[in-house]
Amino acid sequence: MATEKDKGLREKQMDEPVDVAEEVEEEIEEVEEPEEEVLEPEVPEEEDEESEEEEDEEDEEEEFLEAKEKRSRKEEEELEEDIVEERFYTIPLGKAWISKRKKRAPKAARIVRSFVLKHMKVRTEVEEEEEPERLVIDNEVNEKLWSRGIEKPPRKIRVRVVKDKEGVVTVRLAEGD
């Protein structure tokens, strides 16, 4: 459904002799030259950037792993040197379920704290600015207590309790939990 203007243009183009081969060659040269200039520099840059990024990522991963290994070694050495007493307990948390739904996980945390204070014979009195915090509950234990939300803490939890030379008691999850 060509319009009359399109038909007229086509007829004029057909009447004029045109060397199609020359026009096509000129168009090809015009098109090829900018593409070559644009493509050649971009491809190596992208490859260089990708390879640099990959190398950077690998270096970061290696540094992270090395640092993590060093930290874990240091922590293990410190723990082995400082440990005076180490015990494993299964702390029953059934009493936390007696309280209201929205207060069960905090109640479970208080039960863990009181259980450890009682069984590890930690002094509850705070001595004058000597070390106000004698009991440390590890973040993993807290996360385990809160893992199913505030309404459904676990019925019991297995922990490893460590007492160091300074009398600071640390509560951690037992290995394998």
N, C-alpha and C. Protein backbone atom coordinates (compact mmCIF):
# COMPACT_ATOMS: atom_id res chain seq x y z
N MET A 1 0.81 -1.16 0.00
CA MET A 1 0.00 0.00 0.00
C MET A 1 0.87 1.25 0.00
N ALA A 2 1.57 1.34 -1.02
CA ALA A 2 2.45 2.49 -1.16
C ALA A 2 1.65 3.69 -1.61
N THR A 3 2.04 4.83 -1.13
CA THR A 3 1.36 6.06 -1.51
C THR A 3 1.88 6.53 -2.86
N GLU A 4 1.23 7.53 -3.41
CA GLU A 4 1.63 8.04 -4.72
C GLU A 4 3.01 8.68 -4.69
N LYS A 5 3.37 9.28 -3.57
CA LYS A 5 4.69 9.90 -3.46
C LYS A 5 5.78 8.84 -3.53
N ASP A 6 5.56 7.71 -2.85
CA ASP A 6 6.54 6.63 -2.88
C ASP A 6 6.69 6.09 -4.30
N LYS A 7 5.60 5.95 -5.03
CA LYS A 7 5.66 5.44 -6.42
C LYS A 7 6.45 6.40 -7.30
N GLY A 8 6.23 7.69 -7.08
CA GLY A 8 6.94 8.69 -7.90
C GLY A 8 8.43 8.65 -7.62
N LEU A 9 8.83 8.50 -6.36
CA LEU A 9 10.25 8.42 -6.02
C LEU A 9 10.90 7.19 -6.61
N ARG A 10 10.20 6.11 -6.61
CA ARG A 10 10.74 4.87 -7.14
C ARG A 10 10.96 4.98 -8.64
N GLU A 11 10.00 5.60 -9.33
CA GLU A 11 10.14 5.74 -10.78
C GLU A 11 11.33 6.63 -11.13
N LYS A 12 11.54 7.71 -10.37
CA LYS A 12 12.67 8.59 -10.62
C LYS A 12 13.99 7.85 -10.37
N GLN A 13 14.03 7.04 -9.34
CA GLN A 13 15.24 6.31 -9.04
C GLN A 13 15.53 5.28 -10.12
N MET A 14 14.51 4.71 -10.68
CA MET A 14 14.71 3.69 -11.71
C MET A 14 15.17 4.32 -13.02
N ASP A 15 14.74 5.52 -13.30
CA ASP A 15 15.11 6.18 -14.55
C ASP A 15 16.59 6.58 -14.54
N GLU A 16 17.14 6.96 -13.41
CA GLU A 16 18.53 7.40 -13.34
C GLU A 16 19.45 6.19 -13.29
N PRO A 17 20.47 6.17 -14.14
CA PRO A 17 21.43 5.06 -14.08
C PRO A 17 22.35 5.25 -12.86
N VAL A 18 22.44 4.25 -12.04
CA VAL A 18 23.25 4.32 -10.84
C VAL A 18 24.19 3.13 -10.81
N ASP A 19 25.41 3.45 -10.43
CA ASP A 19 26.37 2.36 -10.28
C ASP A 19 26.27 1.86 -8.84
N VAL A 20 25.53 0.80 -8.64
CA VAL A 20 25.23 0.27 -7.33
C VAL A 20 26.49 -0.28 -6.66
N ALA A 21 27.34 -0.87 -7.41
CA ALA A 21 28.54 -1.47 -6.85
C ALA A 21 29.41 -0.41 -6.16
N GLU A 22 29.57 0.76 -6.79
CA GLU A 22 30.39 1.82 -6.21
C GLU A 22 29.77 2.33 -4.90
N GLU A 23 28.46 2.53 -4.88
CA GLU A 23 27.79 3.02 -3.68
C GLU A 23 27.90 2.02 -2.53
N VAL A 24 27.73 0.76 -2.84
CA VAL A 24 27.81 -0.28 -1.82
C VAL A 24 29.22 -0.34 -1.24
N GLU A 25 30.25 -0.25 -2.10
CA GLU A 25 31.63 -0.28 -1.63
C GLU A 25 31.92 0.91 -0.72
N GLU A 26 31.41 2.09 -1.10
CA GLU A 26 31.62 3.28 -0.28
C GLU A 26 30.95 3.12 1.08
N GLU A 27 29.72 2.61 1.08
CA GLU A 27 29.02 2.40 2.34
C GLU A 27 29.74 1.38 3.22
N ILE A 28 30.25 0.33 2.61
CA ILE A 28 30.97 -0.70 3.37
C ILE A 28 32.22 -0.12 3.99
N GLU A 29 32.97 0.67 3.25
CA GLU A 29 34.19 1.29 3.77
C GLU A 29 33.86 2.23 4.94
N GLU A 30 32.79 3.01 4.79
CA GLU A 30 32.40 3.93 5.85
C GLU A 30 31.99 3.17 7.12
N VAL A 31 31.28 2.10 6.91
CA VAL A 31 30.80 1.32 8.05
C VAL A 31 31.94 0.56 8.71
N GLU A 32 32.84 -0.03 7.92
CA GLU A 32 33.92 -0.85 8.46
C GLU A 32 34.93 -0.03 9.25
N GLU A 33 35.31 1.13 8.76
CA GLU A 33 36.34 1.92 9.42
C GLU A 33 35.98 2.29 10.85
N PRO A 34 34.81 2.87 11.12
CA PRO A 34 34.50 3.20 12.52
C PRO A 34 34.37 1.95 13.40
N GLU A 35 33.82 0.86 12.85
CA GLU A 35 33.66 -0.34 13.65
C GLU A 35 35.01 -0.88 14.08
N GLU A 36 35.97 -0.91 13.16
CA GLU A 36 37.28 -1.43 13.49
C GLU A 36 37.93 -0.58 14.58
N GLU A 37 37.83 0.73 14.45
CA GLU A 37 38.43 1.61 15.43
C GLU A 37 37.77 1.44 16.80
N VAL A 38 36.46 1.29 16.81
CA VAL A 38 35.73 1.20 18.06
C VAL A 38 35.92 -0.19 18.69
N LEU A 39 35.86 -1.24 17.88
CA LEU A 39 35.90 -2.59 18.43
C LEU A 39 37.29 -2.98 18.93
N GLU A 40 38.33 -2.66 18.21
CA GLU A 40 39.66 -3.10 18.59
C GLU A 40 40.08 -2.62 19.98
N PRO A 41 39.94 -1.31 20.29
CA PRO A 41 40.35 -0.89 21.63
C PRO A 41 39.44 -1.42 22.73
N GLU A 42 38.15 -1.59 22.47
CA GLU A 42 37.22 -1.99 23.52
C GLU A 42 37.42 -3.43 23.96
N VAL A 43 37.64 -4.33 23.01
CA VAL A 43 37.75 -5.73 23.34
C VAL A 43 38.92 -6.00 24.29
N PRO A 44 40.11 -5.51 24.00
CA PRO A 44 41.20 -5.77 24.96
C PRO A 44 40.96 -5.11 26.31
N GLU A 45 40.36 -3.92 26.34
CA GLU A 45 40.09 -3.27 27.61
C GLU A 45 39.14 -4.09 28.45
N GLU A 46 38.09 -4.63 27.83
CA GLU A 46 37.13 -5.44 28.56
C GLU A 46 37.81 -6.68 29.11
N GLU A 47 38.66 -7.32 28.27
CA GLU A 47 39.35 -8.51 28.73
C GLU A 47 40.29 -8.16 29.88
N ASP A 48 40.99 -7.03 29.74
CA ASP A 48 41.90 -6.60 30.79
C ASP A 48 41.13 -6.32 32.08
N GLU A 49 40.00 -5.62 31.96
CA GLU A 49 39.20 -5.30 33.13
C GLU A 49 38.68 -6.56 33.81
N GLU A 50 38.20 -7.51 32.97
CA GLU A 50 37.68 -8.76 33.52
C GLU A 50 38.78 -9.54 34.22
N SER A 51 39.94 -9.62 33.57
CA SER A 51 41.03 -10.38 34.17
C SER A 51 41.51 -9.70 35.45
N GLU A 52 41.56 -8.35 35.45
CA GLU A 52 41.96 -7.63 36.65
C GLU A 52 40.95 -7.85 37.78
N GLU A 53 39.66 -7.81 37.42
CA GLU A 53 38.62 -8.03 38.42
C GLU A 53 38.73 -9.43 39.01
N GLU A 54 38.95 -10.43 38.12
CA GLU A 54 39.08 -11.81 38.59
C GLU A 54 40.29 -11.95 39.52
N GLU A 55 41.40 -11.33 39.13
CA GLU A 55 42.60 -11.40 39.96
C GLU A 55 42.36 -10.73 41.30
N ASP A 56 41.70 -9.58 41.27
CA ASP A 56 41.39 -8.86 42.51
C ASP A 56 40.52 -9.71 43.42
N GLU A 57 39.49 -10.35 42.83
CA GLU A 57 38.59 -11.19 43.62
C GLU A 57 39.36 -12.37 44.24
N GLU A 58 40.24 -12.99 43.43
CA GLU A 58 41.01 -14.11 43.93
C GLU A 58 41.92 -13.67 45.08
N ASP A 59 42.59 -12.51 44.89
CA ASP A 59 43.47 -11.99 45.93
C ASP A 59 42.69 -11.71 47.22
N GLU A 60 41.51 -11.11 47.07
CA GLU A 60 40.69 -10.80 48.24
C GLU A 60 40.27 -12.08 48.96
N GLU A 61 39.89 -13.10 48.18
CA GLU A 61 39.48 -14.37 48.78
C GLU A 61 40.64 -15.00 49.55
N GLU A 62 41.84 -14.99 48.93
CA GLU A 62 43.00 -15.57 49.59
C GLU A 62 43.32 -14.82 50.88
N GLU A 63 43.29 -13.48 50.83
CA GLU A 63 43.57 -12.69 52.01
C GLU A 63 42.54 -12.96 53.11
N PHE A 64 41.27 -13.06 52.71
CA PHE A 64 40.20 -13.33 53.67
C PHE A 64 40.41 -14.68 54.35
N LEU A 65 40.72 -15.71 53.54
CA LEU A 65 40.92 -17.04 54.09
C LEU A 65 42.14 -17.08 55.02
N GLU A 66 43.22 -16.41 54.61
CA GLU A 66 44.41 -16.39 55.45
C GLU A 66 44.12 -15.69 56.78
N ALA A 67 43.43 -14.56 56.70
CA ALA A 67 43.10 -13.82 57.92
C ALA A 67 42.19 -14.65 58.83
N LYS A 68 41.24 -15.35 58.21
CA LYS A 68 40.32 -16.17 58.99
C LYS A 68 41.07 -17.31 59.68
N GLU A 69 42.01 -17.93 58.97
CA GLU A 69 42.79 -19.00 59.57
C GLU A 69 43.63 -18.48 60.73
N LYS A 70 44.24 -17.30 60.53
CA LYS A 70 45.06 -16.72 61.59
C LYS A 70 44.22 -16.43 62.83
N ARG A 71 43.02 -15.85 62.60
CA ARG A 71 42.14 -15.54 63.72
C ARG A 71 41.76 -16.80 64.48
N SER A 72 41.37 -17.84 63.71
CA SER A 72 40.92 -19.07 64.37
C SER A 72 42.08 -19.70 65.14
N ARG A 73 43.30 -19.66 64.59
CA ARG A 73 44.46 -20.21 65.30
C ARG A 73 44.71 -19.44 66.59
N LYS A 74 44.68 -18.10 66.48
CA LYS A 74 44.92 -17.27 67.66
C LYS A 74 43.87 -17.53 68.73
N GLU A 75 42.60 -17.60 68.30
CA GLU A 75 41.53 -17.83 69.26
C GLU A 75 41.71 -19.18 69.95
N GLU A 76 42.06 -20.21 69.17
CA GLU A 76 42.25 -21.54 69.75
C GLU A 76 43.41 -21.53 70.74
N GLU A 77 44.51 -20.87 70.36
CA GLU A 77 45.65 -20.81 71.26
C GLU A 77 45.30 -20.08 72.56
N GLU A 78 44.60 -18.96 72.41
CA GLU A 78 44.21 -18.19 73.59
C GLU A 78 43.28 -19.00 74.48
N LEU A 79 42.34 -19.69 73.84
CA LEU A 79 41.39 -20.48 74.62
C LEU A 79 42.10 -21.62 75.35
N GLU A 80 43.01 -22.30 74.66
CA GLU A 80 43.70 -23.42 75.28
C GLU A 80 44.55 -22.96 76.46
N GLU A 81 45.19 -21.81 76.32
CA GLU A 81 46.05 -21.30 77.38
C GLU A 81 45.23 -20.83 78.59
N ASP A 82 44.12 -20.18 78.33
CA ASP A 82 43.36 -19.53 79.38
C ASP A 82 42.32 -20.43 80.06
N ILE A 83 42.01 -21.57 79.47
CA ILE A 83 40.93 -22.40 80.01
C ILE A 83 41.35 -22.99 81.35
N VAL A 84 40.52 -22.71 82.36
CA VAL A 84 40.71 -23.30 83.67
C VAL A 84 39.73 -24.45 83.83
N GLU A 85 38.51 -24.22 83.37
CA GLU A 85 37.46 -25.20 83.54
C GLU A 85 36.55 -25.17 82.31
N GLU A 86 36.19 -26.35 81.83
CA GLU A 86 35.30 -26.45 80.67
C GLU A 86 34.28 -27.54 80.94
N ARG A 87 33.01 -27.19 80.75
CA ARG A 87 31.93 -28.15 80.99
C ARG A 87 30.91 -28.07 79.86
N PHE A 88 30.23 -29.19 79.65
CA PHE A 88 29.14 -29.24 78.67
C PHE A 88 27.85 -29.46 79.43
N TYR A 89 26.86 -28.67 79.07
CA TYR A 89 25.56 -28.76 79.73
C TYR A 89 24.45 -28.84 78.68
N THR A 90 23.39 -29.58 79.03
CA THR A 90 22.14 -29.51 78.28
C THR A 90 21.19 -28.74 79.17
N ILE A 91 20.85 -27.55 78.75
CA ILE A 91 20.02 -26.67 79.58
C ILE A 91 18.56 -26.84 79.18
N PRO A 92 17.70 -27.26 80.10
CA PRO A 92 16.28 -27.39 79.78
C PRO A 92 15.61 -26.01 79.75
N LEU A 93 14.87 -25.77 78.69
CA LEU A 93 14.21 -24.47 78.53
C LEU A 93 12.69 -24.59 78.53
N GLY A 94 12.19 -25.69 79.06
CA GLY A 94 10.74 -25.92 79.07
C GLY A 94 9.98 -24.87 79.87
N LYS A 95 10.62 -24.32 80.89
CA LYS A 95 9.94 -23.32 81.72
C LYS A 95 9.68 -22.02 80.95
N ALA A 96 10.46 -21.81 79.89
CA ALA A 96 10.23 -20.60 79.08
C ALA A 96 8.88 -20.68 78.37
N TRP A 97 8.40 -21.91 78.13
CA TRP A 97 7.13 -22.09 77.43
C TRP A 97 5.93 -21.81 78.33
N ILE A 98 6.16 -21.70 79.62
CA ILE A 98 5.07 -21.38 80.54
C ILE A 98 4.66 -19.92 80.41
N SER A 99 5.61 -19.07 80.08
CA SER A 99 5.32 -17.63 79.99
C SER A 99 4.54 -17.30 78.71
N LYS A 100 4.16 -16.06 78.60
CA LYS A 100 3.39 -15.61 77.43
C LYS A 100 4.19 -15.79 76.15
N ARG A 101 3.46 -15.92 75.04
CA ARG A 101 4.10 -16.19 73.75
C ARG A 101 5.19 -15.19 73.39
N LYS A 102 4.89 -13.94 73.55
CA LYS A 102 5.80 -12.88 73.10
C LYS A 102 6.96 -12.65 74.07
N LYS A 103 7.04 -13.45 75.14
CA LYS A 103 8.12 -13.27 76.10
C LYS A 103 8.95 -14.54 76.27
N ARG A 104 8.75 -15.53 75.39
CA ARG A 104 9.40 -16.83 75.58
C ARG A 104 10.90 -16.81 75.27
N ALA A 105 11.32 -16.24 74.16
CA ALA A 105 12.75 -16.22 73.82
C ALA A 105 13.56 -15.39 74.83
N PRO A 106 13.09 -14.21 75.23
CA PRO A 106 13.84 -13.50 76.27
C PRO A 106 13.90 -14.28 77.59
N LYS A 107 12.83 -14.97 77.91
CA LYS A 107 12.79 -15.79 79.13
C LYS A 107 13.81 -16.93 79.00
N ALA A 108 13.91 -17.53 77.82
CA ALA A 108 14.88 -18.60 77.60
C ALA A 108 16.31 -18.08 77.79
N ALA A 109 16.58 -16.87 77.32
CA ALA A 109 17.91 -16.27 77.50
C ALA A 109 18.20 -16.06 78.99
N ARG A 110 17.21 -15.63 79.74
CA ARG A 110 17.40 -15.45 81.18
C ARG A 110 17.63 -16.79 81.88
N ILE A 111 16.94 -17.83 81.41
CA ILE A 111 17.12 -19.16 81.99
C ILE A 111 18.54 -19.65 81.75
N VAL A 112 19.05 -19.46 80.54
CA VAL A 112 20.43 -19.86 80.23
C VAL A 112 21.40 -19.13 81.16
N ARG A 113 21.22 -17.83 81.29
CA ARG A 113 22.10 -17.01 82.14
C ARG A 113 22.07 -17.51 83.59
N SER A 114 20.87 -17.70 84.14
CA SER A 114 20.77 -18.12 85.55
C SER A 114 21.33 -19.53 85.75
N PHE A 115 21.11 -20.43 84.78
CA PHE A 115 21.62 -21.80 84.86
C PHE A 115 23.15 -21.79 84.93
N VAL A 116 23.77 -21.02 84.05
CA VAL A 116 25.23 -20.98 84.01
C VAL A 116 25.78 -20.32 85.26
N LEU A 117 25.16 -19.25 85.72
CA LEU A 117 25.60 -18.60 86.95
C LEU A 117 25.58 -19.58 88.13
N LYS A 118 24.53 -20.38 88.20
CA LYS A 118 24.36 -21.32 89.31
C LYS A 118 25.37 -22.47 89.23
N HIS A 119 25.53 -23.05 88.03
CA HIS A 119 26.34 -24.25 87.90
C HIS A 119 27.84 -23.98 87.80
N MET A 120 28.23 -22.80 87.36
CA MET A 120 29.65 -22.48 87.25
C MET A 120 30.13 -21.66 88.45
N LYS A 121 29.26 -21.43 89.41
CA LYS A 121 29.59 -20.71 90.63
C LYS A 121 30.23 -19.35 90.35
N VAL A 122 29.57 -18.59 89.50
CA VAL A 122 30.05 -17.24 89.18
C VAL A 122 29.54 -16.30 90.25
N ARG A 123 30.41 -15.44 90.71
CA ARG A 123 29.99 -14.46 91.71
C ARG A 123 29.03 -13.47 91.08
N THR A 124 27.92 -13.27 91.71
CA THR A 124 26.95 -12.32 91.19
C THR A 124 27.24 -10.91 91.66
N GLU A 125 28.07 -10.79 92.68
CA GLU A 125 28.40 -9.46 93.17
C GLU A 125 29.35 -8.80 92.18
N VAL A 126 29.13 -7.56 91.92
CA VAL A 126 30.02 -6.82 91.04
C VAL A 126 31.06 -6.14 91.92
N GLU A 127 32.31 -6.56 91.72
CA GLU A 127 33.38 -5.96 92.51
C GLU A 127 33.67 -4.57 91.96
N GLU A 128 34.33 -3.76 92.76
CA GLU A 128 34.53 -2.37 92.40
C GLU A 128 35.38 -2.21 91.15
N GLU A 129 34.75 -1.92 90.02
CA GLU A 129 35.38 -1.63 88.74
C GLU A 129 36.43 -2.65 88.33
N GLU A 130 36.32 -3.90 88.81
CA GLU A 130 37.34 -4.86 88.45
C GLU A 130 36.97 -5.58 87.15
N GLU A 131 35.88 -6.15 87.04
CA GLU A 131 35.33 -6.68 85.80
C GLU A 131 33.85 -6.84 86.01
N PRO A 132 33.09 -5.86 85.60
CA PRO A 132 31.67 -5.93 85.87
C PRO A 132 30.98 -7.08 85.14
N GLU A 133 31.53 -7.50 83.98
CA GLU A 133 30.87 -8.55 83.21
C GLU A 133 31.63 -9.86 83.42
N ARG A 134 31.08 -10.75 84.23
CA ARG A 134 31.73 -12.01 84.54
C ARG A 134 31.19 -13.14 83.68
N LEU A 135 30.07 -12.93 83.01
CA LEU A 135 29.44 -13.96 82.20
C LEU A 135 29.22 -13.43 80.79
N VAL A 136 29.69 -14.17 79.79
CA VAL A 136 29.54 -13.77 78.39
C VAL A 136 28.82 -14.89 77.66
N ILE A 137 27.67 -14.55 77.07
CA ILE A 137 26.92 -15.51 76.26
C ILE A 137 27.24 -15.22 74.81
N ASP A 138 27.74 -16.23 74.11
CA ASP A 138 28.16 -16.09 72.72
C ASP A 138 26.96 -15.78 71.83
N ASN A 139 27.23 -15.09 70.75
CA ASN A 139 26.18 -14.69 69.82
C ASN A 139 25.49 -15.91 69.19
N GLU A 140 26.24 -16.99 68.97
CA GLU A 140 25.65 -18.19 68.38
C GLU A 140 24.57 -18.79 69.28
N VAL A 141 24.79 -18.74 70.58
CA VAL A 141 23.80 -19.25 71.53
C VAL A 141 22.53 -18.40 71.44
N ASN A 142 22.71 -17.10 71.40
CA ASN A 142 21.57 -16.19 71.29
C ASN A 142 20.81 -16.43 69.99
N GLU A 143 21.54 -16.61 68.90
CA GLU A 143 20.88 -16.87 67.61
C GLU A 143 20.12 -18.18 67.64
N LYS A 144 20.67 -19.19 68.30
CA LYS A 144 19.99 -20.48 68.43
C LYS A 144 18.69 -20.32 69.22
N LEU A 145 18.73 -19.51 70.29
CA LEU A 145 17.53 -19.28 71.10
C LEU A 145 16.45 -18.57 70.28
N TRP A 146 16.86 -17.65 69.42
CA TRP A 146 15.92 -16.84 68.64
C TRP A 146 15.68 -17.40 67.23
N SER A 147 16.24 -18.56 66.91
CA SER A 147 16.18 -19.09 65.53
C SER A 147 14.76 -19.29 65.01
N ARG A 148 13.84 -19.67 65.87
CA ARG A 148 12.45 -19.87 65.42
C ARG A 148 11.53 -18.73 65.84
N GLY A 149 12.14 -17.65 66.25
CA GLY A 149 11.33 -16.48 66.60
C GLY A 149 11.13 -16.35 68.10
N ILE A 150 10.40 -15.32 68.45
CA ILE A 150 10.19 -15.02 69.88
C ILE A 150 9.22 -16.01 70.53
N GLU A 151 8.31 -16.57 69.74
CA GLU A 151 7.27 -17.43 70.31
C GLU A 151 7.68 -18.88 70.49
N LYS A 152 8.73 -19.34 69.77
CA LYS A 152 9.06 -20.76 69.80
C LYS A 152 10.56 -21.00 70.03
N PRO A 153 11.05 -20.72 71.21
CA PRO A 153 12.45 -21.05 71.48
C PRO A 153 12.60 -22.57 71.59
N PRO A 154 13.82 -23.09 71.50
CA PRO A 154 13.99 -24.55 71.62
C PRO A 154 13.63 -25.04 73.03
N ARG A 155 13.28 -26.32 73.15
CA ARG A 155 12.93 -26.90 74.44
C ARG A 155 14.15 -27.13 75.32
N LYS A 156 15.30 -27.35 74.66
CA LYS A 156 16.56 -27.51 75.39
C LYS A 156 17.69 -27.10 74.47
N ILE A 157 18.82 -26.78 75.07
CA ILE A 157 19.96 -26.33 74.28
C ILE A 157 21.24 -26.92 74.88
N ARG A 158 22.13 -27.39 74.01
CA ARG A 158 23.40 -27.98 74.45
C ARG A 158 24.48 -26.92 74.31
N VAL A 159 25.18 -26.62 75.42
CA VAL A 159 26.18 -25.56 75.42
C VAL A 159 27.50 -26.05 76.01
N ARG A 160 28.56 -25.33 75.64
CA ARG A 160 29.89 -25.55 76.22
C ARG A 160 30.22 -24.32 77.03
N VAL A 161 30.51 -24.50 78.30
CA VAL A 161 30.78 -23.38 79.19
C VAL A 161 32.26 -23.43 79.57
N VAL A 162 32.95 -22.31 79.36
CA VAL A 162 34.38 -22.24 79.60
C VAL A 162 34.67 -21.14 80.62
N LYS A 163 35.47 -21.47 81.61
CA LYS A 163 35.89 -20.49 82.61
C LYS A 163 37.39 -20.28 82.45
N ASP A 164 37.81 -19.02 82.30
CA ASP A 164 39.23 -18.74 82.10
C ASP A 164 39.91 -18.33 83.40
N LYS A 165 41.19 -18.00 83.30
CA LYS A 165 42.00 -17.67 84.49
C LYS A 165 41.45 -16.48 85.26
N GLU A 166 40.90 -15.52 84.53
CA GLU A 166 40.41 -14.30 85.16
C GLU A 166 39.03 -14.46 85.78
N GLY A 167 38.42 -15.62 85.61
CA GLY A 167 37.12 -15.87 86.19
C GLY A 167 35.96 -15.53 85.25
N VAL A 168 36.25 -15.15 84.01
CA VAL A 168 35.19 -14.83 83.05
C VAL A 168 34.66 -16.13 82.46
N VAL A 169 33.36 -16.29 82.52
CA VAL A 169 32.70 -17.48 82.01
C VAL A 169 32.09 -17.17 80.65
N THR A 170 32.39 -18.02 79.66
CA THR A 170 31.89 -17.83 78.30
C THR A 170 31.02 -19.02 77.95
N VAL A 171 29.82 -18.73 77.44
CA VAL A 171 28.87 -19.76 77.05
C VAL A 171 28.85 -19.83 75.53
N ARG A 172 29.17 -21.03 74.99
CA ARG A 172 29.17 -21.24 73.54
C ARG A 172 28.31 -22.46 73.23
N LEU A 173 27.90 -22.55 71.96
CA LEU A 173 27.18 -23.75 71.53
C LEU A 173 28.14 -24.93 71.55
N ALA A 174 27.66 -26.09 71.93
CA ALA A 174 28.47 -27.30 71.90
C ALA A 174 28.73 -27.64 70.44
N GLU A 175 29.90 -28.20 70.16
CA GLU A 175 30.25 -28.55 68.78
C GLU A 175 29.27 -29.58 68.24
N GLY A 176 28.90 -29.41 66.98
CA GLY A 176 27.96 -30.32 66.37
C GLY A 176 26.53 -29.82 66.42
N ASP A 177 26.28 -28.74 67.13
CA ASP A 177 24.92 -28.19 67.21
C ASP A 177 24.78 -26.99 66.33
